[in-house]
Amino acid sequence: MEAQKLPSPVLIIVLGIFGILCCCFAGLGIIPSAIALSLSRKAETIMAANPELYIDKQSSIRAGKIIAIAAIALNLYILVKIAFDIYSMGWDAYKMQFEEIIEEAKRQAEAN
């Protein structure tokens, strides 16, 4: 039998890294991270069912799974931090602080 590749090991790693990069956008990186984790679990189950059919890509699948778990943890941390900030300051103070940051960024952009 001819050896086959595992399904999308590169996509799993790319989605995991993209999830880490997107954590700055209010935790939206949890979406690609969850997709990467789901794909890595699917690839692991396929490989476990027929390990003789697949090229040894277990290390890349495992690395993608670790990256996805780290990205999910980072995004959850960001979401909890935002929720705690809103809870401790109140929505109006949080919104005012956010607007001040945007105004400061606009002033710096105009100065350059």
C-alpha atoms as a PDB file:
ATOM      1  CA  MET A   1       0.000   0.000   0.000  1.00  0.00           C
ATOM      2  CA  GLU A   2       1.129   3.488  -0.784  1.00  0.00           C
ATOM      3  CA  ALA A   3       1.695   5.821   2.165  1.00  0.00           C
ATOM      4  CA  GLN A   4      -0.548   8.871   2.355  1.00  0.00           C
ATOM      5  CA  LYS A   5      -0.184  12.203   4.088  1.00  0.00           C
ATOM      6  CA  LEU A   6      -2.153  13.107   7.152  1.00  0.00           C
ATOM      7  CA  PRO A   7      -4.902  15.647   6.516  1.00  0.00           C
ATOM      8  CA  SER A   8      -3.674  19.255   6.679  1.00  0.00           C
ATOM      9  CA  PRO A   9      -0.784  19.363   9.180  1.00  0.00           C
ATOM     10  CA  VAL A  10       0.358  22.720   7.789  1.00  0.00           C
ATOM     11  CA  LEU A  11      -3.148  24.188   8.011  1.00  0.00           C
ATOM     12  CA  ILE A  12      -3.334  23.176  11.664  1.00  0.00           C
ATOM     13  CA  ILE A  13      -0.114  25.025  12.468  1.00  0.00           C
ATOM     14  CA  VAL A  14      -1.094  28.084  10.428  1.00  0.00           C
ATOM     15  CA  LEU A  15      -4.509  28.346  12.100  1.00  0.00           C
ATOM     16  CA  GLY A  16      -2.910  27.970  15.529  1.00  0.00           C
ATOM     17  CA  ILE A  17      -0.428  30.771  14.831  1.00  0.00           C
ATOM     18  CA  PHE A  18      -3.199  32.917  13.357  1.00  0.00           C
ATOM     19  CA  GLY A  19      -5.180  32.340  16.549  1.00  0.00           C
ATOM     20  CA  ILE A  20      -2.263  33.640  18.606  1.00  0.00           C
ATOM     21  CA  LEU A  21      -1.938  36.704  16.394  1.00  0.00           C
ATOM     22  CA  CYS A  22      -5.662  37.449  16.582  1.00  0.00           C
ATOM     23  CA  CYS A  23      -5.805  37.379  20.390  1.00  0.00           C
ATOM     24  CA  CYS A  24      -5.311  41.148  20.394  1.00  0.00           C
ATOM     25  CA  PHE A  25      -8.709  41.583  18.741  1.00  0.00           C
ATOM     26  CA  ALA A  26     -10.784  40.970  21.881  1.00  0.00           C
ATOM     27  CA  GLY A  27     -10.148  37.246  21.871  1.00  0.00           C
ATOM     28  CA  LEU A  28     -11.370  36.584  18.319  1.00  0.00           C
ATOM     29  CA  GLY A  29      -8.405  34.278  17.815  1.00  0.00           C
ATOM     30  CA  ILE A  30     -10.302  31.594  19.667  1.00  0.00           C
ATOM     31  CA  ILE A  31     -12.173  30.787  16.438  1.00  0.00           C
ATOM     32  CA  PRO A  32      -9.186  29.737  14.268  1.00  0.00           C
ATOM     33  CA  SER A  33      -7.587  28.114  17.318  1.00  0.00           C
ATOM     34  CA  ALA A  34     -10.657  25.975  17.926  1.00  0.00           C
ATOM     35  CA  ILE A  35     -10.707  24.983  14.255  1.00  0.00           C
ATOM     36  CA  ALA A  36      -7.020  24.015  14.447  1.00  0.00           C
ATOM     37  CA  LEU A  37      -7.637  21.958  17.575  1.00  0.00           C
ATOM     38  CA  SER A  38     -10.571  20.208  15.920  1.00  0.00           C
ATOM     39  CA  LEU A  39      -8.521  19.429  12.804  1.00  0.00           C
ATOM     40  CA  SER A  40      -5.635  18.104  14.886  1.00  0.00           C
ATOM     41  CA  ARG A  41      -7.941  15.792  16.830  1.00  0.00           C
ATOM     42  CA  LYS A  42      -9.464  14.578  13.568  1.00  0.00           C
ATOM     43  CA  ALA A  43      -6.006  13.918  12.115  1.00  0.00           C
ATOM     44  CA  GLU A  44      -4.957  12.056  15.267  1.00  0.00           C
ATOM     45  CA  THR A  45      -8.011   9.802  15.149  1.00  0.00           C
ATOM     46  CA  ILE A  46      -7.492   9.058  11.450  1.00  0.00           C
ATOM     47  CA  MET A  47      -3.840   8.282  12.074  1.00  0.00           C
ATOM     48  CA  ALA A  48      -4.657   6.075  15.064  1.00  0.00           C
ATOM     49  CA  ALA A  49      -7.158   4.085  13.009  1.00  0.00           C
ATOM     50  CA  ASN A  50      -4.691   3.293  10.197  1.00  0.00           C
ATOM     51  CA  PRO A  51      -1.151   4.258  11.231  1.00  0.00           C
ATOM     52  CA  GLU A  52       0.461   2.157   8.509  1.00  0.00           C
ATOM     53  CA  LEU A  53      -1.182   4.211   5.750  1.00  0.00           C
ATOM     54  CA  TYR A  54       0.296   7.547   6.724  1.00  0.00           C
ATOM     55  CA  ILE A  55       3.683   9.160   6.470  1.00  0.00           C
ATOM     56  CA  ASP A  56       5.171   9.970   9.858  1.00  0.00           C
ATOM     57  CA  LYS A  57       3.694  13.436  10.403  1.00  0.00           C
ATOM     58  CA  GLN A  58       2.767  12.856  14.017  1.00  0.00           C
ATOM     59  CA  SER A  59       5.220  15.495  15.246  1.00  0.00           C
ATOM     60  CA  SER A  60       3.727  18.273  13.092  1.00  0.00           C
ATOM     61  CA  ILE A  61       0.199  17.335  14.131  1.00  0.00           C
ATOM     62  CA  ARG A  62       1.262  17.330  17.790  1.00  0.00           C
ATOM     63  CA  ALA A  63       3.017  20.713  17.376  1.00  0.00           C
ATOM     64  CA  GLY A  64      -0.091  22.184  15.767  1.00  0.00           C
ATOM     65  CA  LYS A  65      -2.222  20.854  18.595  1.00  0.00           C
ATOM     66  CA  ILE A  66       0.071  22.416  21.206  1.00  0.00           C
ATOM     67  CA  ILE A  67       0.026  25.752  19.380  1.00  0.00           C
ATOM     68  CA  ALA A  68      -3.776  25.626  19.152  1.00  0.00           C
ATOM     69  CA  ILE A  69      -4.126  24.867  22.866  1.00  0.00           C
ATOM     70  CA  ALA A  70      -1.738  27.715  23.723  1.00  0.00           C
ATOM     71  CA  ALA A  71      -3.701  30.079  21.465  1.00  0.00           C
ATOM     72  CA  ILE A  72      -6.995  29.079  23.079  1.00  0.00           C
ATOM     73  CA  ALA A  73      -5.522  29.628  26.536  1.00  0.00           C
ATOM     74  CA  LEU A  74      -4.164  33.053  25.528  1.00  0.00           C
ATOM     75  CA  ASN A  75      -7.483  34.093  24.007  1.00  0.00           C
ATOM     76  CA  LEU A  76      -9.392  32.929  27.056  1.00  0.00           C
ATOM     77  CA  TYR A  77      -7.017  34.950  29.233  1.00  0.00           C
ATOM     78  CA  ILE A  78      -7.683  38.057  27.134  1.00  0.00           C
ATOM     79  CA  LEU A  79     -11.457  37.512  27.319  1.00  0.00           C
ATOM     80  CA  VAL A  80     -11.356  37.037  31.100  1.00  0.00           C
ATOM     81  CA  LYS A  81      -9.171  40.138  31.473  1.00  0.00           C
ATOM     82  CA  ILE A  82     -11.571  42.235  29.420  1.00  0.00           C
ATOM     83  CA  ALA A  83     -14.534  40.925  31.401  1.00  0.00           C
ATOM     84  CA  PHE A  84     -12.739  41.666  34.681  1.00  0.00           C
ATOM     85  CA  ASP A  85     -11.834  45.189  33.523  1.00  0.00           C
ATOM     86  CA  ILE A  86     -15.428  45.897  32.550  1.00  0.00           C
ATOM     87  CA  TYR A  87     -16.672  44.452  35.826  1.00  0.00           C
ATOM     88  CA  SER A  88     -14.218  46.386  37.997  1.00  0.00           C
ATOM     89  CA  MET A  89     -14.388  49.750  36.171  1.00  0.00           C
ATOM     90  CA  GLY A  90     -17.889  49.634  34.810  1.00  0.00           C
ATOM     91  CA  TRP A  91     -18.866  49.833  31.169  1.00  0.00           C
ATOM     92  CA  ASP A  92     -18.832  53.638  30.959  1.00  0.00           C
ATOM     93  CA  ALA A  93     -15.323  53.982  32.389  1.00  0.00           C
ATOM     94  CA  TYR A  94     -14.045  51.156  30.175  1.00  0.00           C
ATOM     95  CA  LYS A  95     -15.596  52.782  27.105  1.00  0.00           C
ATOM     96  CA  MET A  96     -14.146  56.175  28.056  1.00  0.00           C
ATOM     97  CA  GLN A  97     -10.677  54.678  28.495  1.00  0.00           C
ATOM     98  CA  PHE A  98     -10.956  52.973  25.101  1.00  0.00           C
ATOM     99  CA  GLU A  99     -12.036  56.244  23.450  1.00  0.00           C
ATOM    100  CA  GLU A 100      -9.082  58.071  25.022  1.00  0.00           C
ATOM    101  CA  ILE A 101      -6.699  55.502  23.570  1.00  0.00           C
ATOM    102  CA  ILE A 102      -8.250  55.962  20.113  1.00  0.00           C
ATOM    103  CA  GLU A 103      -8.017  59.771  20.357  1.00  0.00           C
ATOM    104  CA  GLU A 104      -4.359  59.550  21.393  1.00  0.00           C
ATOM    105  CA  ALA A 105      -3.637  57.290  18.418  1.00  0.00           C
ATOM    106  CA  LYS A 106      -5.353  59.783  16.085  1.00  0.00           C
ATOM    107  CA  ARG A 107      -3.283  62.661  17.497  1.00  0.00           C
ATOM    108  CA  GLN A 108      -0.076  60.709  16.981  1.00  0.00           C
ATOM    109  CA  ALA A 109      -1.090  59.822  13.437  1.00  0.00           C
ATOM    110  CA  GLU A 110      -1.815  63.469  12.635  1.00  0.00           C
ATOM    111  CA  ALA A 111       1.522  64.547  14.138  1.00  0.00           C
ATOM    112  CA  ASN A 112       3.404  62.212  11.807  1.00  0.00           C
END
